[in-house]
Amino acid sequence: MSTLSTHVLDTNAGVPVVGLRVHLGNAADEALETGSTDDDGRVRFAADLPGGVYVLTFETGPWYGGQGRETFFPVVGIAVEIDPGRPHHHVPLLLSPFAYTTYRGS
């Protein structure tokens, strides 16, 4: 079993993304949990996950829209494979209106 967290940074402004809704789903994209990024741009999901594929879905369109900004990516979906032998997985998202990148964090 393993836990999962994410951290979202606005690379244009150089600050954490606050108040972005993030959904955690299973491989069939059935919702397991929903959270919003905190003042440091982080969400830590409470679920203890068995191994397998999970999907993080970031509601970037509403977040940008709330700031009066446009984006080419109204939703960012990231599928990850959880290794039950690792106690925790972290998925950072570096976000700008017209690009994003991610990696396996620590």
N, C-alpha and C. Protein backbone atom coordinates (compact mmCIF):
# COMPACT_ATOMS: atom_id res chain seq x y z
N MET A 1 0.84 -1.18 0.00
CA MET A 1 0.00 0.00 0.00
C MET A 1 0.89 1.24 0.00
N SER A 2 0.34 2.32 -0.56
CA SER A 2 1.13 3.53 -0.73
C SER A 2 0.22 4.75 -0.68
N THR A 3 0.77 5.89 -0.30
CA THR A 3 0.03 7.15 -0.34
C THR A 3 0.50 7.97 -1.53
N LEU A 4 -0.27 9.02 -1.85
CA LEU A 4 0.01 9.84 -3.04
C LEU A 4 -0.23 11.30 -2.72
N SER A 5 0.67 12.15 -3.21
CA SER A 5 0.50 13.59 -3.07
C SER A 5 0.92 14.27 -4.36
N THR A 6 0.55 15.55 -4.47
CA THR A 6 0.93 16.35 -5.63
C THR A 6 1.27 17.75 -5.17
N HIS A 7 1.98 18.46 -6.01
CA HIS A 7 2.40 19.84 -5.75
C HIS A 7 2.34 20.57 -7.08
N VAL A 8 1.61 21.68 -7.16
CA VAL A 8 1.42 22.40 -8.42
C VAL A 8 2.04 23.78 -8.31
N LEU A 9 2.90 24.10 -9.27
CA LEU A 9 3.55 25.41 -9.31
C LEU A 9 3.19 26.14 -10.59
N ASP A 10 2.88 27.43 -10.46
CA ASP A 10 2.63 28.31 -11.61
C ASP A 10 3.99 28.81 -12.08
N THR A 11 4.47 28.25 -13.19
CA THR A 11 5.82 28.60 -13.64
C THR A 11 5.89 29.99 -14.25
N ASN A 12 4.76 30.56 -14.67
CA ASN A 12 4.76 31.94 -15.18
C ASN A 12 4.98 32.93 -14.04
N ALA A 13 4.28 32.72 -12.94
CA ALA A 13 4.36 33.64 -11.81
C ALA A 13 5.42 33.24 -10.80
N GLY A 14 5.87 31.97 -10.86
CA GLY A 14 6.88 31.51 -9.92
C GLY A 14 6.34 31.30 -8.51
N VAL A 15 5.05 30.93 -8.41
CA VAL A 15 4.42 30.75 -7.10
C VAL A 15 3.61 29.45 -7.10
N PRO A 16 3.28 28.94 -5.90
CA PRO A 16 2.40 27.78 -5.83
C PRO A 16 1.01 28.11 -6.37
N VAL A 17 0.35 27.12 -6.95
CA VAL A 17 -1.02 27.26 -7.42
C VAL A 17 -1.94 26.94 -6.24
N VAL A 18 -2.73 27.92 -5.83
CA VAL A 18 -3.61 27.78 -4.66
C VAL A 18 -5.06 27.61 -5.13
N GLY A 19 -5.76 26.64 -4.54
CA GLY A 19 -7.18 26.47 -4.81
C GLY A 19 -7.52 25.72 -6.08
N LEU A 20 -6.59 24.96 -6.62
CA LEU A 20 -6.84 24.16 -7.83
C LEU A 20 -7.42 22.81 -7.40
N ARG A 21 -8.58 22.45 -7.97
CA ARG A 21 -9.20 21.16 -7.65
C ARG A 21 -8.47 20.04 -8.39
N VAL A 22 -8.22 18.96 -7.63
CA VAL A 22 -7.51 17.79 -8.14
C VAL A 22 -8.31 16.55 -7.75
N HIS A 23 -8.53 15.68 -8.72
CA HIS A 23 -9.26 14.44 -8.49
C HIS A 23 -8.29 13.26 -8.61
N LEU A 24 -8.46 12.30 -7.72
CA LEU A 24 -7.72 11.04 -7.79
C LEU A 24 -8.70 9.97 -8.21
N GLY A 25 -8.38 9.26 -9.29
CA GLY A 25 -9.24 8.19 -9.78
C GLY A 25 -8.45 6.92 -9.99
N ASN A 26 -9.16 5.82 -10.13
CA ASN A 26 -8.50 4.55 -10.42
C ASN A 26 -8.28 4.41 -11.93
N ALA A 27 -7.82 3.25 -12.38
CA ALA A 27 -7.51 3.05 -13.80
C ALA A 27 -8.73 3.23 -14.69
N ALA A 28 -9.92 2.96 -14.16
CA ALA A 28 -11.16 3.17 -14.91
C ALA A 28 -11.64 4.61 -14.77
N ASP A 29 -10.84 5.46 -14.13
CA ASP A 29 -11.12 6.87 -13.88
C ASP A 29 -12.36 7.07 -13.02
N GLU A 30 -12.60 6.10 -12.12
CA GLU A 30 -13.67 6.26 -11.14
C GLU A 30 -13.10 7.05 -9.96
N ALA A 31 -13.82 8.08 -9.55
CA ALA A 31 -13.32 8.99 -8.51
C ALA A 31 -13.10 8.26 -7.19
N LEU A 32 -11.94 8.52 -6.60
CA LEU A 32 -11.62 7.99 -5.28
C LEU A 32 -11.60 9.11 -4.24
N GLU A 33 -11.00 10.24 -4.60
CA GLU A 33 -10.91 11.40 -3.71
C GLU A 33 -10.81 12.66 -4.55
N THR A 34 -11.21 13.78 -3.94
CA THR A 34 -11.04 15.09 -4.55
C THR A 34 -10.47 16.02 -3.49
N GLY A 35 -9.55 16.87 -3.91
CA GLY A 35 -8.98 17.86 -2.99
C GLY A 35 -8.67 19.13 -3.74
N SER A 36 -8.26 20.15 -3.00
CA SER A 36 -7.83 21.42 -3.60
C SER A 36 -6.45 21.76 -3.06
N THR A 37 -5.63 22.34 -3.90
CA THR A 37 -4.28 22.70 -3.47
C THR A 37 -4.34 23.73 -2.35
N ASP A 38 -3.46 23.56 -1.39
CA ASP A 38 -3.40 24.47 -0.24
C ASP A 38 -2.55 25.69 -0.56
N ASP A 39 -2.20 26.48 0.44
CA ASP A 39 -1.44 27.71 0.23
C ASP A 39 -0.04 27.47 -0.31
N ASP A 40 0.44 26.22 -0.20
CA ASP A 40 1.75 25.86 -0.74
C ASP A 40 1.61 25.09 -2.05
N GLY A 41 0.37 25.00 -2.59
CA GLY A 41 0.13 24.31 -3.86
C GLY A 41 0.08 22.80 -3.75
N ARG A 42 -0.14 22.28 -2.55
CA ARG A 42 -0.06 20.83 -2.32
C ARG A 42 -1.41 20.21 -1.98
N VAL A 43 -1.55 18.93 -2.39
CA VAL A 43 -2.66 18.09 -1.98
C VAL A 43 -2.07 16.75 -1.59
N ARG A 44 -2.44 16.27 -0.42
CA ARG A 44 -2.04 14.93 0.02
C ARG A 44 -3.32 14.12 0.17
N PHE A 45 -3.45 13.07 -0.60
CA PHE A 45 -4.64 12.24 -0.56
C PHE A 45 -4.53 11.25 0.60
N ALA A 46 -5.65 11.00 1.26
CA ALA A 46 -5.68 10.16 2.46
C ALA A 46 -5.68 8.67 2.14
N ALA A 47 -6.11 8.30 0.94
CA ALA A 47 -6.26 6.88 0.58
C ALA A 47 -4.93 6.14 0.66
N ASP A 48 -4.99 4.92 1.18
CA ASP A 48 -3.85 4.02 1.16
C ASP A 48 -4.06 3.13 -0.06
N LEU A 49 -3.25 3.32 -1.08
CA LEU A 49 -3.50 2.73 -2.40
C LEU A 49 -2.75 1.42 -2.61
N PRO A 50 -3.44 0.38 -3.07
CA PRO A 50 -2.72 -0.81 -3.51
C PRO A 50 -2.03 -0.51 -4.84
N GLY A 51 -1.15 -1.35 -5.26
CA GLY A 51 -0.47 -1.15 -6.53
C GLY A 51 -1.45 -1.08 -7.68
N GLY A 52 -1.03 -0.38 -8.75
CA GLY A 52 -1.87 -0.27 -9.93
C GLY A 52 -1.80 1.11 -10.54
N VAL A 53 -2.62 1.32 -11.55
CA VAL A 53 -2.64 2.59 -12.27
C VAL A 53 -3.71 3.50 -11.67
N TYR A 54 -3.33 4.76 -11.47
CA TYR A 54 -4.23 5.79 -10.94
C TYR A 54 -4.11 7.03 -11.82
N VAL A 55 -5.14 7.87 -11.79
CA VAL A 55 -5.16 9.07 -12.62
C VAL A 55 -5.39 10.29 -11.73
N LEU A 56 -4.51 11.27 -11.86
CA LEU A 56 -4.70 12.58 -11.23
C LEU A 56 -5.28 13.50 -12.31
N THR A 57 -6.40 14.14 -12.02
CA THR A 57 -7.03 15.05 -12.96
C THR A 57 -7.07 16.43 -12.32
N PHE A 58 -6.42 17.39 -12.98
CA PHE A 58 -6.30 18.75 -12.48
C PHE A 58 -7.27 19.65 -13.26
N GLU A 59 -8.15 20.36 -12.57
CA GLU A 59 -9.13 21.25 -13.19
C GLU A 59 -8.49 22.61 -13.47
N THR A 60 -7.63 22.66 -14.46
CA THR A 60 -6.87 23.88 -14.73
C THR A 60 -7.71 24.98 -15.39
N GLY A 61 -8.69 24.60 -16.22
CA GLY A 61 -9.53 25.60 -16.89
C GLY A 61 -10.28 26.49 -15.92
N PRO A 62 -11.02 25.92 -14.97
CA PRO A 62 -11.72 26.76 -14.00
C PRO A 62 -10.75 27.60 -13.15
N TRP A 63 -9.59 27.04 -12.83
CA TRP A 63 -8.63 27.80 -12.03
C TRP A 63 -8.13 29.02 -12.80
N TYR A 64 -7.71 28.83 -14.06
CA TYR A 64 -7.27 29.97 -14.87
C TYR A 64 -8.43 30.94 -15.10
N GLY A 65 -9.63 30.41 -15.41
CA GLY A 65 -10.79 31.26 -15.65
C GLY A 65 -11.11 32.15 -14.46
N GLY A 66 -10.94 31.62 -13.26
CA GLY A 66 -11.18 32.39 -12.04
C GLY A 66 -10.23 33.56 -11.88
N GLN A 67 -9.13 33.52 -12.59
CA GLN A 67 -8.15 34.61 -12.56
C GLN A 67 -8.24 35.51 -13.78
N GLY A 68 -9.23 35.20 -14.65
CA GLY A 68 -9.35 35.99 -15.88
C GLY A 68 -8.24 35.69 -16.87
N ARG A 69 -7.66 34.50 -16.78
CA ARG A 69 -6.58 34.09 -17.67
C ARG A 69 -7.07 32.95 -18.54
N GLU A 70 -6.52 32.83 -19.73
CA GLU A 70 -6.88 31.72 -20.61
C GLU A 70 -5.83 30.62 -20.52
N THR A 71 -6.21 29.42 -20.95
CA THR A 71 -5.28 28.30 -21.00
C THR A 71 -5.64 27.40 -22.17
N PHE A 72 -4.66 26.77 -22.73
CA PHE A 72 -4.87 25.80 -23.81
C PHE A 72 -5.27 24.44 -23.24
N PHE A 73 -4.95 24.19 -21.97
CA PHE A 73 -5.20 22.91 -21.31
C PHE A 73 -6.23 23.09 -20.20
N PRO A 74 -7.54 22.95 -20.48
CA PRO A 74 -8.55 23.14 -19.45
C PRO A 74 -8.58 22.02 -18.41
N VAL A 75 -8.01 20.87 -18.77
CA VAL A 75 -7.89 19.73 -17.86
C VAL A 75 -6.53 19.09 -18.12
N VAL A 76 -5.83 18.76 -17.06
CA VAL A 76 -4.58 18.01 -17.19
C VAL A 76 -4.77 16.69 -16.47
N GLY A 77 -4.60 15.60 -17.20
CA GLY A 77 -4.72 14.26 -16.62
C GLY A 77 -3.36 13.57 -16.64
N ILE A 78 -2.99 13.04 -15.51
CA ILE A 78 -1.70 12.34 -15.40
C ILE A 78 -1.94 10.95 -14.84
N ALA A 79 -1.64 9.93 -15.62
CA ALA A 79 -1.75 8.55 -15.17
C ALA A 79 -0.41 8.11 -14.59
N VAL A 80 -0.46 7.47 -13.43
CA VAL A 80 0.75 6.99 -12.77
C VAL A 80 0.54 5.56 -12.33
N GLU A 81 1.63 4.82 -12.23
CA GLU A 81 1.55 3.45 -11.72
C GLU A 81 2.15 3.41 -10.33
N ILE A 82 1.33 3.05 -9.37
CA ILE A 82 1.75 2.98 -7.97
C ILE A 82 2.44 1.65 -7.70
N ASP A 83 3.62 1.74 -7.13
CA ASP A 83 4.37 0.57 -6.69
C ASP A 83 4.04 0.36 -5.21
N PRO A 84 3.36 -0.72 -4.84
CA PRO A 84 2.96 -0.90 -3.45
C PRO A 84 4.14 -1.07 -2.50
N GLY A 85 5.34 -1.31 -3.04
CA GLY A 85 6.53 -1.42 -2.21
C GLY A 85 7.10 -0.08 -1.79
N ARG A 86 6.65 0.99 -2.42
CA ARG A 86 7.09 2.34 -2.03
C ARG A 86 6.02 2.93 -1.11
N PRO A 87 6.40 3.44 0.04
CA PRO A 87 5.39 3.93 0.98
C PRO A 87 4.67 5.20 0.52
N HIS A 88 5.31 5.98 -0.35
CA HIS A 88 4.70 7.23 -0.79
C HIS A 88 5.14 7.57 -2.21
N HIS A 89 4.22 8.15 -2.98
CA HIS A 89 4.51 8.65 -4.32
C HIS A 89 4.13 10.13 -4.37
N HIS A 90 4.93 10.92 -5.06
CA HIS A 90 4.68 12.36 -5.17
C HIS A 90 4.77 12.75 -6.64
N VAL A 91 3.75 13.49 -7.12
CA VAL A 91 3.67 13.87 -8.54
C VAL A 91 3.58 15.39 -8.65
N PRO A 92 4.70 16.08 -8.86
CA PRO A 92 4.65 17.52 -9.06
C PRO A 92 4.13 17.87 -10.47
N LEU A 93 3.45 19.01 -10.57
CA LEU A 93 2.98 19.54 -11.85
C LEU A 93 3.48 20.97 -11.97
N LEU A 94 4.27 21.23 -13.01
CA LEU A 94 4.74 22.58 -13.32
C LEU A 94 3.83 23.09 -14.42
N LEU A 95 3.09 24.17 -14.13
CA LEU A 95 1.98 24.58 -14.97
C LEU A 95 2.16 26.00 -15.50
N SER A 96 1.90 26.17 -16.78
CA SER A 96 1.78 27.50 -17.39
C SER A 96 0.56 27.44 -18.30
N PRO A 97 0.06 28.57 -18.79
CA PRO A 97 -1.17 28.55 -19.58
C PRO A 97 -1.11 27.69 -20.85
N PHE A 98 0.07 27.52 -21.41
CA PHE A 98 0.17 26.84 -22.70
C PHE A 98 1.14 25.67 -22.70
N ALA A 99 1.53 25.23 -21.51
CA ALA A 99 2.43 24.08 -21.39
C ALA A 99 2.38 23.56 -19.96
N TYR A 100 2.76 22.31 -19.79
CA TYR A 100 2.94 21.75 -18.46
C TYR A 100 3.95 20.62 -18.52
N THR A 101 4.52 20.31 -17.37
CA THR A 101 5.43 19.18 -17.27
C THR A 101 5.26 18.54 -15.90
N THR A 102 5.64 17.30 -15.80
CA THR A 102 5.52 16.58 -14.55
C THR A 102 6.67 15.58 -14.44
N TYR A 103 6.84 15.04 -13.24
CA TYR A 103 7.89 14.05 -13.03
C TYR A 103 7.57 13.30 -11.73
N ARG A 104 8.26 12.19 -11.51
CA ARG A 104 8.09 11.48 -10.24
C ARG A 104 8.96 12.16 -9.21
N GLY A 105 8.30 12.75 -8.23
CA GLY A 105 9.01 13.44 -7.16
C GLY A 105 9.38 12.49 -6.05
N SER A 106 9.84 13.08 -4.96
CA SER A 106 10.25 12.25 -3.81
C SER A 106 9.42 12.60 -2.59
